[in-house]
Each structure stands twice: as C-alpha cells, then as structure tokens.
Amino acid sequence: MIDAHNHLQDPRFLGKQGQLIDTMKEAGITGCVVNGTCENDWPQVARLARDHPEFVTPSFGLHPWKVDARSPHWLETLTRFLEDSPGAGLGECGLDRWMEHPDLTAQHEVFRQQIAIAVELKRPLTIHCLKAWGPLLEELHSAPALPKFLLHSFAGSKEIARECLKLGACFSFSGYFLHPRKAKVRAVFQSLPPERILVETDAPDMSLPEPHFHFGDLNHPANLATISRELASLSGVEEKIFHNNARRFFNLIDRSQNAP
C-alpha cells in the first residue's frame, strides 16, 4: 500500500516520525509520498527521505497558503531540492480561494512556475485546489505543456472530474470523504476510471470518521489501510489497483527495478 499524500514533516509529528513509520509498516503500508509546503519544511522532507529511503518519497512544492511568505529566491531553492532528489515529485502546489484574503495574482504566478518546473524536470505534480476549479482549469488549459498530475483529496464535481480526465488527471481519495455528509464526493470517485484513482491520508489532517489508528486527535498515516479498504468496497475496485496506480504515477516501479 502506498500513501499518495501525507505530511510526516508536520511539526505536530515532530520527533515521532520513526514511530509513525513503524506503525504504518505494521499496518501493511509499504511507502508514502511526503509533501512539502514551503521553504521552511523542504529540508525536513528531504531528511525524512534520506533517513527512510526505502519508504519515503519526497515531494517539494510551494502551497498556496504559503505563497505570501515566500522568499525572493524560492524558485531557485525549490529547483535545487528537486535536482538534489531525482526521484522527488513536485507539490503540494495549486490554487485556493477558500483561505482568507487570498492573493490570487501571486497564487497563479507561483502555480504556473511550478507547472513549468515539473514539465522541465519531468516530475509528477501534486495539486491542491479549494474553491478554485474554474481558475484551475483555465491554468491547465492555457499551460504550454502539462506534466502528469494528481488532484489530491479531490472534492470537485463529476463535471470538473470529466474535464480534468481529458487533461490526463489522476485523483486521490482521502479518509475525510468517508464521513456521511461526503456522499457526493464518494459518488464522483465511483464514476472515475479505476486506473486514475490513488489513495491518501493527508495526515495529520483530514481525519476519517472511525479511525483505527490514533495519534491524539490527529489523523494517523497508518489509517491508509482503512481508507483503502473502504474505497475498494464502495467502488468495487481491488485495493491493489489504487496502489499500483501510485507506483506508476510516482515512478516507484522504475526505481525498484533500477535498484542495485
């Protein structure tokens, strides 16, 4: 099982990452993609990947919530982290109109730059989108080229999903969508081609209604096992398909084949 999106570097997990990873392995999870969000946490993501190279795949990106705090050299720094980690993805990045007082001009500029880097370096792109589906589609349609991209914790409509499918999107399902009030999101995932679906925890956030594993009031990344099983049950798709999709999307199959 592959957790397609989490934040093990989050300060709320500080000093407990080894313990969390041990529990994930006991639950049958074989790897995860740890997503950076800003210049301050990229070094921690890189460190986790160095300390757990067989388990952690790093991804470095500038999250729309962190755009206003970027330094003048953020793009050079991001490029350096990606070049230093040839197996890394790019993300989490994207657009967000849900946050208070968003600087949409800056968000769009930063997002375009990250799309371009992902294309240039041939890296999988993980996208965050909240209340900005129209602008996101405009950016994707207007980009000179697109990398393969994942819409993480996708909560858009079936119409949005159809448009994104045409552009090559993959979609990841988080445990938060198992809450009863999220029936519409579950219906969208039931309509998607199985080969485009991945599974994630987004830990320490996006808790599921009845978690099996607990870390205080936070979402434990080992809950991926429950999320995967529940999604397979409601979609009628074998669990292994979701995780094989993650291996292909993040090039984990190629890396295992090329390992000494």
C-alpha atoms as a PDB file:
ATOM      1  CA  MET A   1       0.000   0.000   0.000  1.00  0.00           C
ATOM      2  CA  ILE A   2       1.208   3.491  -0.916  1.00  0.00           C
ATOM      3  CA  ASP A   3       0.011   6.649   0.837  1.00  0.00           C
ATOM      4  CA  ALA A   4      -0.078   9.074  -2.093  1.00  0.00           C
ATOM      5  CA  HIS A   5      -0.097  12.192   0.077  1.00  0.00           C
ATOM      6  CA  ASN A   6       0.815  12.996   3.660  1.00  0.00           C
ATOM      7  CA  HIS A   7       2.811  15.496   5.710  1.00  0.00           C
ATOM      8  CA  LEU A   8       5.039  13.477   8.020  1.00  0.00           C
ATOM      9  CA  GLN A   9       7.240  16.562   8.365  1.00  0.00           C
ATOM     10  CA  ASP A  10       4.405  18.448  10.090  1.00  0.00           C
ATOM     11  CA  PRO A  11       5.525  19.972  13.438  1.00  0.00           C
ATOM     12  CA  ARG A  12       2.687  18.110  15.162  1.00  0.00           C
ATOM     13  CA  PHE A  13       4.529  14.875  14.339  1.00  0.00           C
ATOM     14  CA  LEU A  14       7.938  16.204  15.392  1.00  0.00           C
ATOM     15  CA  GLY A  15      10.177  13.524  16.864  1.00  0.00           C
ATOM     16  CA  LYS A  16       7.594  10.786  16.289  1.00  0.00           C
ATOM     17  CA  GLN A  17       8.133  10.065  12.609  1.00  0.00           C
ATOM     18  CA  GLY A  18      10.063   6.851  13.189  1.00  0.00           C
ATOM     19  CA  GLN A  19       7.317   5.530  15.435  1.00  0.00           C
ATOM     20  CA  LEU A  20       4.656   6.518  12.900  1.00  0.00           C
ATOM     21  CA  ILE A  21       6.501   4.778  10.079  1.00  0.00           C
ATOM     22  CA  ASP A  22       6.904   1.614  12.152  1.00  0.00           C
ATOM     23  CA  THR A  23       3.148   1.534  12.753  1.00  0.00           C
ATOM     24  CA  MET A  24       2.473   2.176   9.071  1.00  0.00           C
ATOM     25  CA  LYS A  25       4.631  -0.795   8.145  1.00  0.00           C
ATOM     26  CA  GLU A  26       2.840  -2.989  10.694  1.00  0.00           C
ATOM     27  CA  ALA A  27      -0.441  -1.983   9.021  1.00  0.00           C
ATOM     28  CA  GLY A  28       0.856  -3.231   5.655  1.00  0.00           C
ATOM     29  CA  ILE A  29       1.853   0.125   4.170  1.00  0.00           C
ATOM     30  CA  THR A  30       4.992  -0.124   2.050  1.00  0.00           C
ATOM     31  CA  GLY A  31       5.632   3.528   1.206  1.00  0.00           C
ATOM     32  CA  CYS A  32       4.365   7.080   1.268  1.00  0.00           C
ATOM     33  CA  VAL A  33       4.797  10.394  -0.506  1.00  0.00           C
ATOM     34  CA  VAL A  34       5.643  13.197   1.923  1.00  0.00           C
ATOM     35  CA  ASN A  35       4.629  16.595   0.572  1.00  0.00           C
ATOM     36  CA  GLY A  36       6.498  19.755   1.441  1.00  0.00           C
ATOM     37  CA  THR A  37       4.630  23.051   1.531  1.00  0.00           C
ATOM     38  CA  CYS A  38       7.235  25.831   1.826  1.00  0.00           C
ATOM     39  CA  GLU A  39      10.910  26.674   2.049  1.00  0.00           C
ATOM     40  CA  ASN A  40      10.918  26.065   5.806  1.00  0.00           C
ATOM     41  CA  ASP A  41       9.820  22.445   5.615  1.00  0.00           C
ATOM     42  CA  TRP A  42      11.562  21.271   2.433  1.00  0.00           C
ATOM     43  CA  PRO A  43      14.740  20.388   4.387  1.00  0.00           C
ATOM     44  CA  GLN A  44      12.701  18.247   6.784  1.00  0.00           C
ATOM     45  CA  VAL A  45      11.063  16.388   3.892  1.00  0.00           C
ATOM     46  CA  ALA A  46      14.499  15.774   2.375  1.00  0.00           C
ATOM     47  CA  ARG A  47      15.780  14.495   5.726  1.00  0.00           C
ATOM     48  CA  LEU A  48      12.901  12.038   6.080  1.00  0.00           C
ATOM     49  CA  ALA A  49      13.631  10.708   2.589  1.00  0.00           C
ATOM     50  CA  ARG A  50      17.328  10.291   3.460  1.00  0.00           C
ATOM     51  CA  ASP A  51      16.538   8.564   6.762  1.00  0.00           C
ATOM     52  CA  HIS A  52      13.896   6.252   5.255  1.00  0.00           C
ATOM     53  CA  PRO A  53      14.885   5.894   1.586  1.00  0.00           C
ATOM     54  CA  GLU A  54      13.009   2.630   1.095  1.00  0.00           C
ATOM     55  CA  PHE A  55       9.775   4.095   2.463  1.00  0.00           C
ATOM     56  CA  VAL A  56       9.560   7.875   1.937  1.00  0.00           C
ATOM     57  CA  THR A  57       9.282   9.505  -1.480  1.00  0.00           C
ATOM     58  CA  PRO A  58       9.775  13.266  -1.143  1.00  0.00           C
ATOM     59  CA  SER A  59       7.751  15.915  -2.926  1.00  0.00           C
ATOM     60  CA  PHE A  60       8.671  19.600  -2.773  1.00  0.00           C
ATOM     61  CA  GLY A  61       6.255  22.410  -3.544  1.00  0.00           C
ATOM     62  CA  LEU A  62       5.012  25.827  -2.507  1.00  0.00           C
ATOM     63  CA  HIS A  63       1.481  25.500  -1.125  1.00  0.00           C
ATOM     64  CA  PRO A  64      -0.952  28.334  -1.955  1.00  0.00           C
ATOM     65  CA  TRP A  65      -1.365  29.015   1.779  1.00  0.00           C
ATOM     66  CA  LYS A  66       2.378  29.735   1.981  1.00  0.00           C
ATOM     67  CA  VAL A  67       2.716  31.894  -1.133  1.00  0.00           C
ATOM     68  CA  ASP A  68       2.737  35.203   0.750  1.00  0.00           C
ATOM     69  CA  ALA A  69       5.655  34.045   2.924  1.00  0.00           C
ATOM     70  CA  ARG A  70       7.917  33.005   0.047  1.00  0.00           C
ATOM     71  CA  SER A  71      11.401  34.472  -0.241  1.00  0.00           C
ATOM     72  CA  PRO A  72      12.710  36.190  -3.385  1.00  0.00           C
ATOM     73  CA  HIS A  73      14.769  33.039  -4.042  1.00  0.00           C
ATOM     74  CA  TRP A  74      12.067  30.430  -3.519  1.00  0.00           C
ATOM     75  CA  LEU A  75      12.121  29.216  -7.108  1.00  0.00           C
ATOM     76  CA  GLU A  76      15.878  28.631  -7.132  1.00  0.00           C
ATOM     77  CA  THR A  77      15.642  26.851  -3.784  1.00  0.00           C
ATOM     78  CA  LEU A  78      12.813  24.621  -4.985  1.00  0.00           C
ATOM     79  CA  THR A  79      14.700  23.747  -8.151  1.00  0.00           C
ATOM     80  CA  ARG A  80      17.760  22.821  -6.120  1.00  0.00           C
ATOM     81  CA  PHE A  81      15.790  20.476  -3.859  1.00  0.00           C
ATOM     82  CA  LEU A  82      14.271  18.782  -6.893  1.00  0.00           C
ATOM     83  CA  GLU A  83      17.602  18.415  -8.649  1.00  0.00           C
ATOM     84  CA  ASP A  84      19.180  17.007  -5.475  1.00  0.00           C
ATOM     85  CA  SER A  85      16.393  14.398  -5.281  1.00  0.00           C
ATOM     86  CA  PRO A  86      15.929  12.878  -8.748  1.00  0.00           C
ATOM     87  CA  GLY A  87      13.045  10.697  -7.549  1.00  0.00           C
ATOM     88  CA  ALA A  88      11.105  13.544  -5.949  1.00  0.00           C
ATOM     89  CA  GLY A  89       7.746  14.849  -7.057  1.00  0.00           C
ATOM     90  CA  LEU A  90       6.681  18.475  -7.191  1.00  0.00           C
ATOM     91  CA  GLY A  91       3.956  19.515  -4.773  1.00  0.00           C
ATOM     92  CA  GLU A  92       1.958  20.343  -2.950  1.00  0.00           C
ATOM     93  CA  CYS A  93       1.032  23.382  -5.012  1.00  0.00           C
ATOM     94  CA  GLY A  94      -2.100  24.829  -6.540  1.00  0.00           C
ATOM     95  CA  LEU A  95      -4.860  27.398  -6.084  1.00  0.00           C
ATOM     96  CA  ASP A  96      -7.040  28.246  -3.099  1.00  0.00           C
ATOM     97  CA  ARG A  97      -9.893  30.750  -2.891  1.00  0.00           C
ATOM     98  CA  TRP A  98     -11.226  29.265   0.357  1.00  0.00           C
ATOM     99  CA  MET A  99      -8.490  30.826   2.503  1.00  0.00           C
ATOM    100  CA  GLU A 100      -8.972  34.275   3.997  1.00  0.00           C
ATOM    101  CA  HIS A 101      -7.750  37.166   1.825  1.00  0.00           C
ATOM    102  CA  PRO A 102      -6.040  35.114  -0.894  1.00  0.00           C
ATOM    103  CA  ASP A 103      -3.539  36.845  -3.159  1.00  0.00           C
ATOM    104  CA  LEU A 104      -4.845  35.254  -6.330  1.00  0.00           C
ATOM    105  CA  THR A 105      -2.415  37.020  -8.634  1.00  0.00           C
ATOM    106  CA  ALA A 106       0.544  35.636  -6.702  1.00  0.00           C
ATOM    107  CA  GLN A 107      -1.037  32.186  -6.443  1.00  0.00           C
ATOM    108  CA  HIS A 108      -1.483  31.968 -10.199  1.00  0.00           C
ATOM    109  CA  GLU A 109       2.058  33.143 -10.906  1.00  0.00           C
ATOM    110  CA  VAL A 110       3.592  30.674  -8.458  1.00  0.00           C
ATOM    111  CA  PHE A 111       1.426  27.837  -9.750  1.00  0.00           C
ATOM    112  CA  ARG A 112       2.407  28.494 -13.372  1.00  0.00           C
ATOM    113  CA  GLN A 113       6.077  28.483 -12.424  1.00  0.00           C
ATOM    114  CA  GLN A 114       5.725  25.149 -10.648  1.00  0.00           C
ATOM    115  CA  ILE A 115       3.898  23.582 -13.592  1.00  0.00           C
ATOM    116  CA  ALA A 116       6.771  24.700 -15.813  1.00  0.00           C
ATOM    117  CA  ILE A 117       9.411  23.210 -13.490  1.00  0.00           C
ATOM    118  CA  ALA A 118       7.530  19.908 -13.324  1.00  0.00           C
ATOM    119  CA  VAL A 119       7.427  19.770 -17.114  1.00  0.00           C
ATOM    120  CA  GLU A 120      11.099  20.699 -17.465  1.00  0.00           C
ATOM    121  CA  LEU A 121      12.306  18.173 -14.888  1.00  0.00           C
ATOM    122  CA  LYS A 122       9.695  15.535 -15.821  1.00  0.00           C
ATOM    123  CA  ARG A 123       8.310  15.296 -12.281  1.00  0.00           C
ATOM    124  CA  PRO A 124       4.819  14.213 -11.183  1.00  0.00           C
ATOM    125  CA  LEU A 125       2.833  17.202  -9.932  1.00  0.00           C
ATOM    126  CA  THR A 126       0.537  17.128  -6.878  1.00  0.00           C
ATOM    127  CA  ILE A 127      -2.168  19.811  -6.968  1.00  0.00           C
ATOM    128  CA  HIS A 128      -4.219  21.366  -4.163  1.00  0.00           C
ATOM    129  CA  CYS A 129      -7.458  23.082  -5.177  1.00  0.00           C
ATOM    130  CA  LEU A 130     -10.159  24.590  -2.963  1.00  0.00           C
ATOM    131  CA  LYS A 131     -12.995  26.728  -4.310  1.00  0.00           C
ATOM    132  CA  ALA A 132     -10.930  27.450  -7.431  1.00  0.00           C
ATOM    133  CA  TRP A 133     -11.910  24.835 -10.010  1.00  0.00           C
ATOM    134  CA  GLY A 134     -12.662  27.305 -12.783  1.00  0.00           C
ATOM    135  CA  PRO A 135      -9.340  29.139 -12.416  1.00  0.00           C
ATOM    136  CA  LEU A 136      -7.508  25.819 -12.109  1.00  0.00           C
ATOM    137  CA  LEU A 137      -8.978  24.528 -15.368  1.00  0.00           C
ATOM    138  CA  GLU A 138      -8.050  27.808 -17.066  1.00  0.00           C
ATOM    139  CA  GLU A 139      -4.449  27.415 -15.915  1.00  0.00           C
ATOM    140  CA  LEU A 140      -4.271  23.788 -17.016  1.00  0.00           C
ATOM    141  CA  HIS A 141      -5.794  24.539 -20.419  1.00  0.00           C
ATOM    142  CA  SER A 142      -3.502  27.513 -21.024  1.00  0.00           C
ATOM    143  CA  ALA A 143      -0.241  25.850 -19.956  1.00  0.00           C
ATOM    144  CA  PRO A 144       2.128  25.245 -22.907  1.00  0.00           C
ATOM    145  CA  ALA A 145       2.590  21.682 -21.617  1.00  0.00           C
ATOM    146  CA  LEU A 146       1.462  19.643 -18.648  1.00  0.00           C
ATOM    147  CA  PRO A 147       3.259  17.035 -16.563  1.00  0.00           C
ATOM    148  CA  LYS A 148       1.331  14.092 -15.224  1.00  0.00           C
ATOM    149  CA  PHE A 149      -0.638  15.497 -12.320  1.00  0.00           C
ATOM    150  CA  LEU A 150      -2.578  14.349  -9.278  1.00  0.00           C
ATOM    151  CA  LEU A 151      -5.541  16.236  -7.822  1.00  0.00           C
ATOM    152  CA  HIS A 152      -5.019  15.408  -4.189  1.00  0.00           C
ATOM    153  CA  SER A 153      -8.031  14.918  -1.899  1.00  0.00           C
ATOM    154  CA  PHE A 154     -10.229  15.678  -4.900  1.00  0.00           C
ATOM    155  CA  ALA A 155     -13.624  17.101  -3.940  1.00  0.00           C
ATOM    156  CA  GLY A 156     -14.802  18.531  -7.251  1.00  0.00           C
ATOM    157  CA  SER A 157     -17.950  17.667  -9.152  1.00  0.00           C
ATOM    158  CA  LYS A 158     -18.408  14.972 -11.794  1.00  0.00           C
ATOM    159  CA  GLU A 159     -18.320  17.729 -14.430  1.00  0.00           C
ATOM    160  CA  ILE A 160     -14.979  19.026 -13.146  1.00  0.00           C
ATOM    161  CA  ALA A 161     -13.666  15.467 -12.976  1.00  0.00           C
ATOM    162  CA  ARG A 162     -14.610  14.847 -16.621  1.00  0.00           C
ATOM    163  CA  GLU A 163     -12.735  17.964 -17.735  1.00  0.00           C
ATOM    164  CA  CYS A 164      -9.683  17.015 -15.698  1.00  0.00           C
ATOM    165  CA  LEU A 165      -9.745  13.455 -17.045  1.00  0.00           C
ATOM    166  CA  LYS A 166      -9.439  14.851 -20.563  1.00  0.00           C
ATOM    167  CA  LEU A 167      -6.230  16.589 -19.443  1.00  0.00           C
ATOM    168  CA  GLY A 168      -4.783  13.367 -18.015  1.00  0.00           C
ATOM    169  CA  ALA A 169      -5.506  13.900 -14.330  1.00  0.00           C
ATOM    170  CA  CYS A 170      -5.267  11.323 -11.585  1.00  0.00           C
ATOM    171  CA  PHE A 171      -7.311  11.736  -8.384  1.00  0.00           C
ATOM    172  CA  SER A 172      -6.595  10.746  -4.796  1.00  0.00           C
ATOM    173  CA  PHE A 173      -9.188   9.803  -2.196  1.00  0.00           C
ATOM    174  CA  SER A 174      -8.731  10.732   1.471  1.00  0.00           C
ATOM    175  CA  GLY A 175     -10.424   9.274   4.522  1.00  0.00           C
ATOM    176  CA  TYR A 176     -12.275  12.501   5.196  1.00  0.00           C
ATOM    177  CA  PHE A 177     -14.620  11.548   2.362  1.00  0.00           C
ATOM    178  CA  LEU A 178     -15.845   8.565   4.383  1.00  0.00           C
ATOM    179  CA  HIS A 179     -17.868  10.967   6.555  1.00  0.00           C
ATOM    180  CA  PRO A 180     -21.608  10.526   5.851  1.00  0.00           C
ATOM    181  CA  ARG A 181     -22.005  14.097   4.566  1.00  0.00           C
ATOM    182  CA  LYS A 182     -19.470  13.438   1.789  1.00  0.00           C
ATOM    183  CA  ALA A 183     -21.677  11.081  -0.233  1.00  0.00           C
ATOM    184  CA  LYS A 184     -21.414  13.290  -3.341  1.00  0.00           C
ATOM    185  CA  VAL A 185     -17.626  13.011  -3.327  1.00  0.00           C
ATOM    186  CA  ARG A 186     -17.821   9.240  -2.976  1.00  0.00           C
ATOM    187  CA  ALA A 187     -20.198   9.158  -5.957  1.00  0.00           C
ATOM    188  CA  VAL A 188     -17.643  11.077  -8.028  1.00  0.00           C
ATOM    189  CA  PHE A 189     -14.939   8.530  -7.225  1.00  0.00           C
ATOM    190  CA  GLN A 190     -17.307   5.699  -8.126  1.00  0.00           C
ATOM    191  CA  SER A 191     -17.596   7.288 -11.589  1.00  0.00           C
ATOM    192  CA  LEU A 192     -13.853   7.592 -12.220  1.00  0.00           C
ATOM    193  CA  PRO A 193     -11.773   5.113 -14.245  1.00  0.00           C
ATOM    194  CA  PRO A 194     -10.082   2.805 -11.710  1.00  0.00           C
ATOM    195  CA  GLU A 195      -6.654   3.388 -13.280  1.00  0.00           C
ATOM    196  CA  ARG A 196      -6.853   7.089 -12.355  1.00  0.00           C
ATOM    197  CA  ILE A 197      -7.528   6.629  -8.605  1.00  0.00           C
ATOM    198  CA  LEU A 198      -4.944   6.781  -5.799  1.00  0.00           C
ATOM    199  CA  VAL A 199      -5.441   6.719  -2.021  1.00  0.00           C
ATOM    200  CA  GLU A 200      -4.064   9.130   0.583  1.00  0.00           C
ATOM    201  CA  THR A 201      -4.304  10.095   4.245  1.00  0.00           C
ATOM    202  CA  ASP A 202      -3.213  13.773   4.131  1.00  0.00           C
ATOM    203  CA  ALA A 203      -2.086  13.088   7.713  1.00  0.00           C
ATOM    204  CA  PRO A 204      -2.073  14.725  10.178  1.00  0.00           C
ATOM    205  CA  ASP A 205      -5.252  16.325   8.775  1.00  0.00           C
ATOM    206  CA  MET A 206      -8.397  15.010   7.008  1.00  0.00           C
ATOM    207  CA  SER A 207      -9.341  12.515   9.717  1.00  0.00           C
ATOM    208  CA  LEU A 208     -11.750   9.733   8.846  1.00  0.00           C
ATOM    209  CA  PRO A 209     -14.944   9.167  10.890  1.00  0.00           C
ATOM    210  CA  GLU A 210     -13.856   5.935  12.587  1.00  0.00           C
ATOM    211  CA  PRO A 211     -10.046   5.775  12.610  1.00  0.00           C
ATOM    212  CA  HIS A 212      -8.384   2.523  13.543  1.00  0.00           C
ATOM    213  CA  PHE A 213      -5.085   4.162  14.483  1.00  0.00           C
ATOM    214  CA  HIS A 214      -4.883   7.209  16.747  1.00  0.00           C
ATOM    215  CA  PHE A 215      -2.272   9.911  17.355  1.00  0.00           C
ATOM    216  CA  GLY A 216      -4.067  12.141  19.805  1.00  0.00           C
ATOM    217  CA  ASP A 217      -6.744  13.966  17.824  1.00  0.00           C
ATOM    218  CA  LEU A 218      -4.643  13.852  14.634  1.00  0.00           C
ATOM    219  CA  ASN A 219      -5.038  11.616  11.609  1.00  0.00           C
ATOM    220  CA  HIS A 220      -2.532   8.769  11.878  1.00  0.00           C
ATOM    221  CA  PRO A 221      -0.990   7.856   8.494  1.00  0.00           C
ATOM    222  CA  ALA A 222      -1.485   4.148   9.237  1.00  0.00           C
ATOM    223  CA  ASN A 223      -5.201   4.773   8.681  1.00  0.00           C
ATOM    224  CA  LEU A 224      -4.436   4.393   4.981  1.00  0.00           C
ATOM    225  CA  ALA A 225      -5.254   0.702   5.385  1.00  0.00           C
ATOM    226  CA  THR A 226      -8.824   1.526   6.419  1.00  0.00           C
ATOM    227  CA  ILE A 227      -9.235   4.178   3.708  1.00  0.00           C
ATOM    228  CA  SER A 228      -8.003   1.792   1.025  1.00  0.00           C
ATOM    229  CA  ARG A 229     -10.311  -0.999   2.166  1.00  0.00           C
ATOM    230  CA  GLU A 230     -13.352   1.284   2.375  1.00  0.00           C
ATOM    231  CA  LEU A 231     -12.745   2.810  -1.055  1.00  0.00           C
ATOM    232  CA  ALA A 232     -12.366  -0.657  -2.580  1.00  0.00           C
ATOM    233  CA  SER A 233     -15.664  -1.686  -1.002  1.00  0.00           C
ATOM    234  CA  LEU A 234     -17.660   1.291  -2.233  1.00  0.00           C
ATOM    235  CA  SER A 235     -16.124   1.331  -5.720  1.00  0.00           C
ATOM    236  CA  GLY A 236     -15.902  -2.388  -6.386  1.00  0.00           C
ATOM    237  CA  VAL A 237     -12.237  -1.959  -7.355  1.00  0.00           C
ATOM    238  CA  GLU A 238      -9.456  -4.156  -5.974  1.00  0.00           C
ATOM    239  CA  GLU A 239      -7.259  -2.304  -3.492  1.00  0.00           C
ATOM    240  CA  LYS A 240      -4.069  -3.269  -5.286  1.00  0.00           C
ATOM    241  CA  ILE A 241      -5.154  -1.203  -8.302  1.00  0.00           C
ATOM    242  CA  PHE A 242      -5.028   2.033  -6.294  1.00  0.00           C
ATOM    243  CA  HIS A 243      -1.540   1.260  -5.046  1.00  0.00           C
ATOM    244  CA  ASN A 244      -0.214   0.101  -8.409  1.00  0.00           C
ATOM    245  CA  ASN A 245      -1.501   3.413  -9.776  1.00  0.00           C
ATOM    246  CA  ALA A 246       0.547   5.235  -7.132  1.00  0.00           C
ATOM    247  CA  ARG A 247       3.666   3.263  -8.022  1.00  0.00           C
ATOM    248  CA  ARG A 248       3.273   4.188 -11.672  1.00  0.00           C
ATOM    249  CA  PHE A 249       2.394   7.810 -11.006  1.00  0.00           C
ATOM    250  CA  PHE A 250       5.395   8.432  -8.742  1.00  0.00           C
ATOM    251  CA  ASN A 251       7.741   6.225 -10.793  1.00  0.00           C
ATOM    252  CA  LEU A 252       8.263   3.859  -7.878  1.00  0.00           C
ATOM    253  CA  ILE A 253       8.208   0.823 -10.174  1.00  0.00           C
ATOM    254  CA  ASP A 254      11.122   2.161 -12.218  1.00  0.00           C
ATOM    255  CA  ARG A 255      13.136   2.901  -9.104  1.00  0.00           C
ATOM    256  CA  SER A 256      12.624  -0.570  -7.667  1.00  0.00           C
ATOM    257  CA  GLN A 257      13.678  -2.140 -10.968  1.00  0.00           C
ATOM    258  CA  ASN A 258      16.777   0.032 -11.135  1.00  0.00           C
ATOM    259  CA  ALA A 259      17.823  -0.574  -7.545  1.00  0.00           C
ATOM    260  CA  PRO A 260      21.179  -2.371  -7.087  1.00  0.00           C
END
